[in-house]
Amino acid sequence: MTYRRGVALVLLAGSLWSLMGLGLRQIEAASVWQILFWRSVGMVPVLLAVIWWTSSGKPLAAIRSVGVAGTLGGLSLVLAFAGAIYAIQTTTIANAVFLFSASPFVAAVLGWILLGERVRPWTWAAIALAVFGMYLMVREGLETGALAGNIAALLSAVGFGAFSVALRWGKVGDTLPVALLGGVFSILAAGLVLALRGEPVAASGWDIGVSALIGAVILALGMVVYTAASKAVPAAELTLLSLIEVLLGPLWVWLLMGETASAATFVGGGVLLAAVALNAVMGARAQWPVERKLGGLQSGPDL
């Protein structure tokens, strides 16, 4: 795959994921756990089919190869998925997607604490800037009643950060089997929570259809495309290019549903995005000498 095609695929993946909030806004009455259940039901068959195709008809071997680290990563995705759904249902799309973008910094801190990975000085500076941006947004939640949604968005970022650290710990190269495990674990967790709460798994036909479509197309297809792109685009550039999700997410709900966010959301979100961009740009600059020396692209986690 060429670098140019990889860039196009990253932009496509980010564009698909940016539709998540708009899709969840179409849900009429389903609860967070019902949505998580049926969205995962839609996602799992798509990922399983792709894994079967790429593993020459041996999906179980591909899934087993991720080991304990992949299993932990899949469990982390349950928190990431559930938190994201709750956040989008209880706060503005802008608030949610801006806070989701903090996951690289969560991964950096967790990697430092759990794996002893060195965090570069510019990343610490970017983390401090990101924390300030998140403070501006979460503080506003106290005034608007959206604090629970903001906290859920941050917990989702923690889940995605833990997912990244688990993959690095186990040196898991293929993320699709881990995402598949995340979908399976989400089905089990959502079913268990619904049973304990005495709620039915079934929702309306409309809500089931929308949730499954989100899982199959927006989430699973976006993940497949992004994974393919990661083979041709360095990690730091992946971070920058995928920010199109954060930029487009609030735009869709504003254009199609008239949903707007406050000035504090955009100021805090802008600070957070600047921190993400700073970290990615500095990471890319650090990679350039290595790439020139080795004569090719080097992809992998960049802190």
C-alpha atoms as a PDB file:
ATOM      1  CA  MET A   1       0.000   0.000   0.000  1.00  0.00           C
ATOM      2  CA  THR A   2       1.250   3.484  -0.877  1.00  0.00           C
ATOM      3  CA  TYR A   3       1.532   6.305   1.651  1.00  0.00           C
ATOM      4  CA  ARG A   4      -1.027   8.374  -0.285  1.00  0.00           C
ATOM      5  CA  ARG A   5      -3.567   5.570  -0.205  1.00  0.00           C
ATOM      6  CA  GLY A   6      -2.900   5.104   3.514  1.00  0.00           C
ATOM      7  CA  VAL A   7      -3.643   8.776   4.162  1.00  0.00           C
ATOM      8  CA  ALA A   8      -6.897   8.501   2.208  1.00  0.00           C
ATOM      9  CA  LEU A   9      -7.913   5.474   4.273  1.00  0.00           C
ATOM     10  CA  VAL A  10      -7.202   7.244   7.573  1.00  0.00           C
ATOM     11  CA  LEU A  11      -9.360  10.164   6.480  1.00  0.00           C
ATOM     12  CA  LEU A  12     -12.108   7.739   5.447  1.00  0.00           C
ATOM     13  CA  ALA A  13     -11.964   5.969   8.812  1.00  0.00           C
ATOM     14  CA  GLY A  14     -12.120   9.254  10.725  1.00  0.00           C
ATOM     15  CA  SER A  15     -15.031  10.416   8.569  1.00  0.00           C
ATOM     16  CA  LEU A  16     -16.930   7.209   9.279  1.00  0.00           C
ATOM     17  CA  TRP A  17     -16.333   7.453  13.027  1.00  0.00           C
ATOM     18  CA  SER A  18     -17.460  11.085  12.994  1.00  0.00           C
ATOM     19  CA  LEU A  19     -20.965   9.827  12.132  1.00  0.00           C
ATOM     20  CA  MET A  20     -21.206   7.948  15.442  1.00  0.00           C
ATOM     21  CA  GLY A  21     -22.822  10.799  17.345  1.00  0.00           C
ATOM     22  CA  LEU A  22     -25.276  11.519  14.554  1.00  0.00           C
ATOM     23  CA  GLY A  23     -26.205   7.834  14.448  1.00  0.00           C
ATOM     24  CA  LEU A  24     -26.749   7.595  18.197  1.00  0.00           C
ATOM     25  CA  ARG A  25     -28.937  10.694  18.051  1.00  0.00           C
ATOM     26  CA  GLN A  26     -31.375   8.608  15.963  1.00  0.00           C
ATOM     27  CA  ILE A  27     -31.991   6.198  18.851  1.00  0.00           C
ATOM     28  CA  GLU A  28     -35.503   6.722  20.192  1.00  0.00           C
ATOM     29  CA  ALA A  29     -35.716   4.925  23.531  1.00  0.00           C
ATOM     30  CA  ALA A  30     -33.040   2.220  23.920  1.00  0.00           C
ATOM     31  CA  SER A  31     -30.839   2.383  27.013  1.00  0.00           C
ATOM     32  CA  VAL A  32     -27.041   2.552  27.005  1.00  0.00           C
ATOM     33  CA  TRP A  33     -26.753  -1.202  27.612  1.00  0.00           C
ATOM     34  CA  GLN A  34     -29.304  -2.107  24.961  1.00  0.00           C
ATOM     35  CA  ILE A  35     -27.446   0.057  22.446  1.00  0.00           C
ATOM     36  CA  LEU A  36     -24.105  -1.468  23.455  1.00  0.00           C
ATOM     37  CA  PHE A  37     -25.543  -4.983  23.074  1.00  0.00           C
ATOM     38  CA  TRP A  38     -27.028  -4.504  19.604  1.00  0.00           C
ATOM     39  CA  ARG A  39     -24.220  -2.311  18.317  1.00  0.00           C
ATOM     40  CA  SER A  40     -21.776  -5.068  19.253  1.00  0.00           C
ATOM     41  CA  VAL A  41     -24.023  -7.659  17.622  1.00  0.00           C
ATOM     42  CA  GLY A  42     -23.705  -5.642  14.421  1.00  0.00           C
ATOM     43  CA  MET A  43     -19.944  -5.172  14.761  1.00  0.00           C
ATOM     44  CA  VAL A  44     -18.816  -8.734  15.579  1.00  0.00           C
ATOM     45  CA  PRO A  45     -19.862 -10.511  12.326  1.00  0.00           C
ATOM     46  CA  VAL A  46     -18.142  -7.866  10.177  1.00  0.00           C
ATOM     47  CA  LEU A  47     -14.861  -8.108  12.079  1.00  0.00           C
ATOM     48  CA  LEU A  48     -15.066 -11.896  12.168  1.00  0.00           C
ATOM     49  CA  ALA A  49     -15.536 -12.015   8.389  1.00  0.00           C
ATOM     50  CA  VAL A  50     -12.520  -9.758   7.802  1.00  0.00           C
ATOM     51  CA  ILE A  51     -10.352 -11.754  10.223  1.00  0.00           C
ATOM     52  CA  TRP A  52     -11.423 -15.003   8.526  1.00  0.00           C
ATOM     53  CA  TRP A  53     -10.437 -13.557   5.143  1.00  0.00           C
ATOM     54  CA  THR A  54      -7.079 -12.137   6.255  1.00  0.00           C
ATOM     55  CA  SER A  55      -6.131 -15.260   8.237  1.00  0.00           C
ATOM     56  CA  SER A  56      -6.765 -17.647   5.327  1.00  0.00           C
ATOM     57  CA  GLY A  57      -9.807 -19.148   6.979  1.00  0.00           C
ATOM     58  CA  LYS A  58      -8.239 -19.542  10.431  1.00  0.00           C
ATOM     59  CA  PRO A  59      -9.903 -16.871  12.587  1.00  0.00           C
ATOM     60  CA  LEU A  60      -9.586 -18.817  15.851  1.00  0.00           C
ATOM     61  CA  ALA A  61      -5.808 -18.985  15.468  1.00  0.00           C
ATOM     62  CA  ALA A  62      -5.684 -15.223  14.855  1.00  0.00           C
ATOM     63  CA  ILE A  63      -7.818 -14.574  17.932  1.00  0.00           C
ATOM     64  CA  ARG A  64      -5.765 -16.896  20.165  1.00  0.00           C
ATOM     65  CA  SER A  65      -2.561 -15.212  19.017  1.00  0.00           C
ATOM     66  CA  VAL A  66      -3.415 -11.971  20.856  1.00  0.00           C
ATOM     67  CA  GLY A  67      -3.001 -13.764  24.205  1.00  0.00           C
ATOM     68  CA  VAL A  68      -3.611 -12.252  27.626  1.00  0.00           C
ATOM     69  CA  ALA A  69      -2.722  -8.734  26.466  1.00  0.00           C
ATOM     70  CA  GLY A  70      -5.335  -8.856  23.726  1.00  0.00           C
ATOM     71  CA  THR A  71      -7.911 -10.166  26.183  1.00  0.00           C
ATOM     72  CA  LEU A  72      -7.202  -7.277  28.559  1.00  0.00           C
ATOM     73  CA  GLY A  73      -7.395  -4.888  25.620  1.00  0.00           C
ATOM     74  CA  GLY A  74     -10.778  -6.313  24.668  1.00  0.00           C
ATOM     75  CA  LEU A  75     -12.042  -5.858  28.230  1.00  0.00           C
ATOM     76  CA  SER A  76     -10.813  -2.243  28.173  1.00  0.00           C
ATOM     77  CA  LEU A  77     -12.910  -1.645  25.075  1.00  0.00           C
ATOM     78  CA  VAL A  78     -16.081  -2.456  27.038  1.00  0.00           C
ATOM     79  CA  LEU A  79     -15.424   0.623  29.201  1.00  0.00           C
ATOM     80  CA  ALA A  80     -14.498   2.654  26.129  1.00  0.00           C
ATOM     81  CA  PHE A  81     -17.630   1.668  24.197  1.00  0.00           C
ATOM     82  CA  ALA A  82     -20.099   2.010  27.085  1.00  0.00           C
ATOM     83  CA  GLY A  83     -18.643   5.336  28.217  1.00  0.00           C
ATOM     84  CA  ALA A  84     -18.823   6.733  24.709  1.00  0.00           C
ATOM     85  CA  ILE A  85     -22.481   5.775  24.272  1.00  0.00           C
ATOM     86  CA  TYR A  86     -23.482   7.256  27.632  1.00  0.00           C
ATOM     87  CA  ALA A  87     -21.498  10.442  26.983  1.00  0.00           C
ATOM     88  CA  ILE A  88     -23.100  11.028  23.587  1.00  0.00           C
ATOM     89  CA  GLN A  89     -26.547  10.494  25.096  1.00  0.00           C
ATOM     90  CA  THR A  90     -26.029  12.904  27.990  1.00  0.00           C
ATOM     91  CA  THR A  91     -23.831  15.717  26.714  1.00  0.00           C
ATOM     92  CA  THR A  92     -23.248  17.486  23.409  1.00  0.00           C
ATOM     93  CA  ILE A  93     -21.471  15.697  20.582  1.00  0.00           C
ATOM     94  CA  ALA A  94     -18.790  18.400  20.666  1.00  0.00           C
ATOM     95  CA  ASN A  95     -18.091  17.835  24.350  1.00  0.00           C
ATOM     96  CA  ALA A  96     -17.968  14.075  23.919  1.00  0.00           C
ATOM     97  CA  VAL A  97     -15.677  13.862  20.885  1.00  0.00           C
ATOM     98  CA  PHE A  98     -13.272  16.508  22.190  1.00  0.00           C
ATOM     99  CA  LEU A  99     -12.852  14.566  25.435  1.00  0.00           C
ATOM    100  CA  PHE A 100     -12.475  11.274  23.559  1.00  0.00           C
ATOM    101  CA  SER A 101      -9.406  12.739  21.867  1.00  0.00           C
ATOM    102  CA  ALA A 102      -7.564  12.753  25.209  1.00  0.00           C
ATOM    103  CA  SER A 103      -6.973   8.975  24.922  1.00  0.00           C
ATOM    104  CA  PRO A 104      -3.364   9.288  23.578  1.00  0.00           C
ATOM    105  CA  PHE A 105      -2.398  11.154  26.737  1.00  0.00           C
ATOM    106  CA  VAL A 106      -4.125   8.594  28.943  1.00  0.00           C
ATOM    107  CA  ALA A 107      -2.148   5.907  27.091  1.00  0.00           C
ATOM    108  CA  ALA A 108       1.085   7.834  27.632  1.00  0.00           C
ATOM    109  CA  VAL A 109       0.548   8.121  31.394  1.00  0.00           C
ATOM    110  CA  LEU A 110      -0.612   4.508  31.779  1.00  0.00           C
ATOM    111  CA  GLY A 111       2.324   3.295  29.702  1.00  0.00           C
ATOM    112  CA  TRP A 112       4.694   5.263  31.938  1.00  0.00           C
ATOM    113  CA  ILE A 113       3.135   3.909  35.149  1.00  0.00           C
ATOM    114  CA  LEU A 114       2.487   0.297  34.117  1.00  0.00           C
ATOM    115  CA  LEU A 115       5.157  -0.412  31.505  1.00  0.00           C
ATOM    116  CA  GLY A 116       7.907   2.011  32.492  1.00  0.00           C
ATOM    117  CA  GLU A 117       7.836   3.628  29.045  1.00  0.00           C
ATOM    118  CA  ARG A 118       9.666   6.934  28.793  1.00  0.00           C
ATOM    119  CA  VAL A 119       7.405   9.907  28.169  1.00  0.00           C
ATOM    120  CA  ARG A 120       9.187  12.601  26.212  1.00  0.00           C
ATOM    121  CA  PRO A 121       9.272  16.195  27.556  1.00  0.00           C
ATOM    122  CA  TRP A 122       7.045  17.559  24.792  1.00  0.00           C
ATOM    123  CA  THR A 123       4.406  14.944  25.670  1.00  0.00           C
ATOM    124  CA  TRP A 124       4.370  16.092  29.304  1.00  0.00           C
ATOM    125  CA  ALA A 125       3.888  19.654  28.048  1.00  0.00           C
ATOM    126  CA  ALA A 126       1.068  18.500  25.764  1.00  0.00           C
ATOM    127  CA  ILE A 127      -0.543  16.563  28.630  1.00  0.00           C
ATOM    128  CA  ALA A 128      -0.504  19.683  30.822  1.00  0.00           C
ATOM    129  CA  LEU A 129      -2.112  21.678  28.002  1.00  0.00           C
ATOM    130  CA  ALA A 130      -4.700  18.936  27.453  1.00  0.00           C
ATOM    131  CA  VAL A 131      -5.582  18.821  31.157  1.00  0.00           C
ATOM    132  CA  PHE A 132      -6.220  22.569  31.089  1.00  0.00           C
ATOM    133  CA  GLY A 133      -8.487  22.177  28.061  1.00  0.00           C
ATOM    134  CA  MET A 134     -10.384  19.325  29.719  1.00  0.00           C
ATOM    135  CA  TYR A 135     -10.741  21.396  32.891  1.00  0.00           C
ATOM    136  CA  LEU A 136     -12.436  24.161  30.934  1.00  0.00           C
ATOM    137  CA  MET A 137     -14.899  21.676  29.469  1.00  0.00           C
ATOM    138  CA  VAL A 138     -15.621  19.639  32.604  1.00  0.00           C
ATOM    139  CA  ARG A 139     -16.011  22.796  34.690  1.00  0.00           C
ATOM    140  CA  GLU A 140     -18.748  23.907  32.336  1.00  0.00           C
ATOM    141  CA  GLY A 141     -20.489  20.589  32.930  1.00  0.00           C
ATOM    142  CA  LEU A 142     -21.052  21.619  36.544  1.00  0.00           C
ATOM    143  CA  GLU A 143     -23.058  24.587  35.294  1.00  0.00           C
ATOM    144  CA  THR A 144     -24.960  22.882  32.467  1.00  0.00           C
ATOM    145  CA  GLY A 145     -25.792  19.588  34.176  1.00  0.00           C
ATOM    146  CA  ALA A 146     -23.665  17.612  31.719  1.00  0.00           C
ATOM    147  CA  LEU A 147     -21.004  16.612  34.241  1.00  0.00           C
ATOM    148  CA  ALA A 148     -21.980  12.925  34.161  1.00  0.00           C
ATOM    149  CA  GLY A 149     -21.654  12.875  30.375  1.00  0.00           C
ATOM    150  CA  ASN A 150     -18.264  14.590  30.539  1.00  0.00           C
ATOM    151  CA  ILE A 151     -17.024  12.076  33.109  1.00  0.00           C
ATOM    152  CA  ALA A 152     -18.301   9.216  30.952  1.00  0.00           C
ATOM    153  CA  ALA A 153     -16.391  10.638  27.977  1.00  0.00           C
ATOM    154  CA  LEU A 154     -13.208  10.769  30.050  1.00  0.00           C
ATOM    155  CA  LEU A 155     -13.781   7.177  31.210  1.00  0.00           C
ATOM    156  CA  SER A 156     -14.162   6.216  27.556  1.00  0.00           C
ATOM    157  CA  ALA A 157     -10.806   7.867  26.854  1.00  0.00           C
ATOM    158  CA  VAL A 158      -9.333   5.859  29.766  1.00  0.00           C
ATOM    159  CA  GLY A 159     -10.723   2.679  28.219  1.00  0.00           C
ATOM    160  CA  PHE A 160      -9.163   3.427  24.841  1.00  0.00           C
ATOM    161  CA  GLY A 161      -5.901   4.399  26.534  1.00  0.00           C
ATOM    162  CA  ALA A 162      -5.836   1.106  28.456  1.00  0.00           C
ATOM    163  CA  PHE A 163      -6.578  -0.717  25.188  1.00  0.00           C
ATOM    164  CA  SER A 164      -3.502   0.901  23.590  1.00  0.00           C
ATOM    165  CA  VAL A 165      -1.270   0.085  26.550  1.00  0.00           C
ATOM    166  CA  ALA A 166      -2.416  -3.544  26.602  1.00  0.00           C
ATOM    167  CA  LEU A 167      -1.508  -3.896  22.923  1.00  0.00           C
ATOM    168  CA  ARG A 168       1.929  -2.396  23.539  1.00  0.00           C
ATOM    169  CA  TRP A 169       2.515  -4.610  26.574  1.00  0.00           C
ATOM    170  CA  GLY A 170       1.760  -7.753  24.601  1.00  0.00           C
ATOM    171  CA  LYS A 171       3.306  -6.458  21.368  1.00  0.00           C
ATOM    172  CA  VAL A 172       0.031  -7.243  19.611  1.00  0.00           C
ATOM    173  CA  GLY A 173       0.391  -6.333  15.958  1.00  0.00           C
ATOM    174  CA  ASP A 174      -3.138  -6.972  14.661  1.00  0.00           C
ATOM    175  CA  THR A 175      -5.831  -4.974  16.438  1.00  0.00           C
ATOM    176  CA  LEU A 176      -8.851  -6.486  14.684  1.00  0.00           C
ATOM    177  CA  PRO A 177      -8.975  -9.698  16.781  1.00  0.00           C
ATOM    178  CA  VAL A 178      -8.733  -7.557  19.923  1.00  0.00           C
ATOM    179  CA  ALA A 179     -11.575  -5.353  18.697  1.00  0.00           C
ATOM    180  CA  LEU A 180     -13.573  -8.520  17.999  1.00  0.00           C
ATOM    181  CA  LEU A 181     -12.989  -9.654  21.586  1.00  0.00           C
ATOM    182  CA  GLY A 182     -14.102  -6.203  22.724  1.00  0.00           C
ATOM    183  CA  GLY A 183     -17.356  -6.677  20.830  1.00  0.00           C
ATOM    184  CA  VAL A 184     -17.925 -10.157  22.293  1.00  0.00           C
ATOM    185  CA  PHE A 185     -17.158  -8.953  25.824  1.00  0.00           C
ATOM    186  CA  SER A 186     -19.497  -5.993  25.289  1.00  0.00           C
ATOM    187  CA  ILE A 187     -22.339  -8.335  24.322  1.00  0.00           C
ATOM    188  CA  LEU A 188     -21.746 -10.411  27.461  1.00  0.00           C
ATOM    189  CA  ALA A 189     -21.367  -7.379  29.753  1.00  0.00           C
ATOM    190  CA  ALA A 190     -24.410  -5.598  28.362  1.00  0.00           C
ATOM    191  CA  GLY A 191     -26.520  -8.756  28.587  1.00  0.00           C
ATOM    192  CA  LEU A 192     -25.441  -9.296  32.196  1.00  0.00           C
ATOM    193  CA  VAL A 193     -26.168  -5.705  33.233  1.00  0.00           C
ATOM    194  CA  LEU A 194     -29.576  -5.787  31.544  1.00  0.00           C
ATOM    195  CA  ALA A 195     -30.419  -9.051  33.312  1.00  0.00           C
ATOM    196  CA  LEU A 196     -29.333  -7.699  36.709  1.00  0.00           C
ATOM    197  CA  ARG A 197     -31.392  -4.554  36.172  1.00  0.00           C
ATOM    198  CA  GLY A 198     -34.415  -6.532  35.033  1.00  0.00           C
ATOM    199  CA  GLU A 199     -34.441  -4.827  31.625  1.00  0.00           C
ATOM    200  CA  PRO A 200     -35.158  -6.636  28.361  1.00  0.00           C
ATOM    201  CA  VAL A 201     -32.387  -7.159  25.831  1.00  0.00           C
ATOM    202  CA  ALA A 202     -34.812  -6.384  23.024  1.00  0.00           C
ATOM    203  CA  ALA A 203     -35.546  -2.789  22.100  1.00  0.00           C
ATOM    204  CA  SER A 204     -37.764  -1.408  19.347  1.00  0.00           C
ATOM    205  CA  GLY A 205     -37.059  -2.647  15.836  1.00  0.00           C
ATOM    206  CA  TRP A 206     -35.880   0.825  14.860  1.00  0.00           C
ATOM    207  CA  ASP A 207     -33.428   1.128  17.756  1.00  0.00           C
ATOM    208  CA  ILE A 208     -32.058  -2.377  17.176  1.00  0.00           C
ATOM    209  CA  GLY A 209     -31.587  -1.650  13.477  1.00  0.00           C
ATOM    210  CA  VAL A 210     -29.863   1.698  14.039  1.00  0.00           C
ATOM    211  CA  SER A 211     -27.585   0.264  16.739  1.00  0.00           C
ATOM    212  CA  ALA A 212     -26.596  -2.750  14.621  1.00  0.00           C
ATOM    213  CA  LEU A 213     -25.974  -0.532  11.593  1.00  0.00           C
ATOM    214  CA  ILE A 214     -23.722   1.748  13.656  1.00  0.00           C
ATOM    215  CA  GLY A 215     -21.752  -1.288  14.791  1.00  0.00           C
ATOM    216  CA  ALA A 216     -21.449  -2.914  11.369  1.00  0.00           C
ATOM    217  CA  VAL A 217     -20.700   0.146   9.246  1.00  0.00           C
ATOM    218  CA  ILE A 218     -19.478   3.088  11.315  1.00  0.00           C
ATOM    219  CA  LEU A 219     -17.517   1.228  13.991  1.00  0.00           C
ATOM    220  CA  ALA A 220     -16.386  -2.049  12.385  1.00  0.00           C
ATOM    221  CA  LEU A 221     -15.776  -0.791   8.845  1.00  0.00           C
ATOM    222  CA  GLY A 222     -13.953   2.273  10.178  1.00  0.00           C
ATOM    223  CA  MET A 223     -11.742   0.027  12.296  1.00  0.00           C
ATOM    224  CA  VAL A 224     -10.915  -2.228   9.333  1.00  0.00           C
ATOM    225  CA  VAL A 225      -9.994   0.755   7.165  1.00  0.00           C
ATOM    226  CA  TYR A 226      -7.921   2.399   9.930  1.00  0.00           C
ATOM    227  CA  THR A 227      -6.005  -0.830  10.612  1.00  0.00           C
ATOM    228  CA  ALA A 228      -5.153  -1.141   6.929  1.00  0.00           C
ATOM    229  CA  ALA A 229      -3.970   2.484   6.830  1.00  0.00           C
ATOM    230  CA  SER A 230      -1.687   1.972   9.853  1.00  0.00           C
ATOM    231  CA  LYS A 231       0.538  -0.261   7.745  1.00  0.00           C
ATOM    232  CA  ALA A 232       1.527   2.671   5.525  1.00  0.00           C
ATOM    233  CA  VAL A 233       1.245   5.791   7.717  1.00  0.00           C
ATOM    234  CA  PRO A 234       3.465   6.526  10.789  1.00  0.00           C
ATOM    235  CA  ALA A 235       1.711   6.528  14.150  1.00  0.00           C
ATOM    236  CA  ALA A 236       2.184  10.246  14.829  1.00  0.00           C
ATOM    237  CA  GLU A 237       0.620  11.129  11.482  1.00  0.00           C
ATOM    238  CA  LEU A 238      -2.227   8.701  12.124  1.00  0.00           C
ATOM    239  CA  THR A 239      -3.047  10.688  15.257  1.00  0.00           C
ATOM    240  CA  LEU A 240      -3.129  13.959  13.353  1.00  0.00           C
ATOM    241  CA  LEU A 241      -5.140  12.694  10.403  1.00  0.00           C
ATOM    242  CA  SER A 242      -7.700  10.909  12.543  1.00  0.00           C
ATOM    243  CA  LEU A 243      -8.562  14.248  14.196  1.00  0.00           C
ATOM    244  CA  ILE A 244     -10.938  14.712  11.285  1.00  0.00           C
ATOM    245  CA  GLU A 245     -13.353  12.663  13.409  1.00  0.00           C
ATOM    246  CA  VAL A 246     -13.277  15.332  16.122  1.00  0.00           C
ATOM    247  CA  LEU A 247     -13.732  18.142  13.630  1.00  0.00           C
ATOM    248  CA  LEU A 248     -16.571  16.551  11.644  1.00  0.00           C
ATOM    249  CA  GLY A 249     -18.558  15.024  14.538  1.00  0.00           C
ATOM    250  CA  PRO A 250     -19.984  18.320  15.880  1.00  0.00           C
ATOM    251  CA  LEU A 251     -20.415  19.609  12.309  1.00  0.00           C
ATOM    252  CA  TRP A 252     -22.833  16.820  11.285  1.00  0.00           C
ATOM    253  CA  VAL A 253     -25.175  17.329  14.250  1.00  0.00           C
ATOM    254  CA  TRP A 254     -25.075  21.095  13.757  1.00  0.00           C
ATOM    255  CA  LEU A 255     -25.882  20.899  10.046  1.00  0.00           C
ATOM    256  CA  LEU A 256     -28.513  18.156  10.265  1.00  0.00           C
ATOM    257  CA  MET A 257     -29.974  18.564  13.762  1.00  0.00           C
ATOM    258  CA  GLY A 258     -29.146  22.123  14.796  1.00  0.00           C
ATOM    259  CA  GLU A 259     -27.210  20.984  17.884  1.00  0.00           C
ATOM    260  CA  THR A 260     -24.700  23.539  19.078  1.00  0.00           C
ATOM    261  CA  ALA A 261     -22.198  23.701  21.920  1.00  0.00           C
ATOM    262  CA  SER A 262     -21.134  26.507  24.220  1.00  0.00           C
ATOM    263  CA  ALA A 263     -18.159  28.783  23.783  1.00  0.00           C
ATOM    264  CA  ALA A 264     -16.421  27.055  26.717  1.00  0.00           C
ATOM    265  CA  THR A 265     -16.711  23.708  24.922  1.00  0.00           C
ATOM    266  CA  PHE A 266     -15.026  25.021  21.801  1.00  0.00           C
ATOM    267  CA  VAL A 267     -12.352  26.940  23.723  1.00  0.00           C
ATOM    268  CA  GLY A 268     -11.512  23.937  25.910  1.00  0.00           C
ATOM    269  CA  GLY A 269     -11.802  21.568  22.968  1.00  0.00           C
ATOM    270  CA  GLY A 270      -9.544  23.785  20.887  1.00  0.00           C
ATOM    271  CA  VAL A 271      -6.899  23.730  23.621  1.00  0.00           C
ATOM    272  CA  LEU A 272      -7.184  19.929  23.828  1.00  0.00           C
ATOM    273  CA  LEU A 273      -6.884  19.535  20.051  1.00  0.00           C
ATOM    274  CA  ALA A 274      -3.867  21.825  20.027  1.00  0.00           C
ATOM    275  CA  ALA A 275      -2.237  19.561  22.621  1.00  0.00           C
ATOM    276  CA  VAL A 276      -2.950  16.446  20.535  1.00  0.00           C
ATOM    277  CA  ALA A 277      -1.610  18.136  17.398  1.00  0.00           C
ATOM    278  CA  LEU A 278       1.520  19.352  19.234  1.00  0.00           C
ATOM    279  CA  ASN A 279       2.291  15.853  20.472  1.00  0.00           C
ATOM    280  CA  ALA A 280       1.720  14.319  17.029  1.00  0.00           C
ATOM    281  CA  VAL A 281       3.841  16.896  15.204  1.00  0.00           C
ATOM    282  CA  MET A 282       6.715  16.541  17.646  1.00  0.00           C
ATOM    283  CA  GLY A 283       6.442  12.774  17.393  1.00  0.00           C
ATOM    284  CA  ALA A 284       6.576  12.973  13.611  1.00  0.00           C
ATOM    285  CA  ARG A 285       9.664  15.194  13.771  1.00  0.00           C
ATOM    286  CA  ALA A 286      11.347  12.661  16.041  1.00  0.00           C
ATOM    287  CA  GLN A 287      10.573   9.878  13.569  1.00  0.00           C
ATOM    288  CA  TRP A 288      11.880  11.634  10.447  1.00  0.00           C
ATOM    289  CA  PRO A 289      15.619  11.033  11.103  1.00  0.00           C
ATOM    290  CA  VAL A 290      14.918   7.358  11.822  1.00  0.00           C
ATOM    291  CA  GLU A 291      12.856   7.005   8.672  1.00  0.00           C
ATOM    292  CA  ARG A 292      15.561   8.610   6.541  1.00  0.00           C
ATOM    293  CA  LYS A 293      18.213   6.386   8.106  1.00  0.00           C
ATOM    294  CA  LEU A 294      16.247   3.189   7.554  1.00  0.00           C
ATOM    295  CA  GLY A 295      14.898   4.265   4.201  1.00  0.00           C
ATOM    296  CA  GLY A 296      11.254   3.671   4.955  1.00  0.00           C
ATOM    297  CA  LEU A 297       8.258   4.435   7.130  1.00  0.00           C
ATOM    298  CA  GLN A 298       8.363   3.335  10.718  1.00  0.00           C
ATOM    299  CA  SER A 299       5.005   2.852  12.335  1.00  0.00           C
ATOM    300  CA  GLY A 300       4.295   2.147  15.980  1.00  0.00           C
ATOM    301  CA  PRO A 301       3.191   3.836  19.173  1.00  0.00           C
ATOM    302  CA  ASP A 302       4.654   7.270  19.705  1.00  0.00           C
ATOM    303  CA  LEU A 303       4.448   8.871  23.107  1.00  0.00           C
END
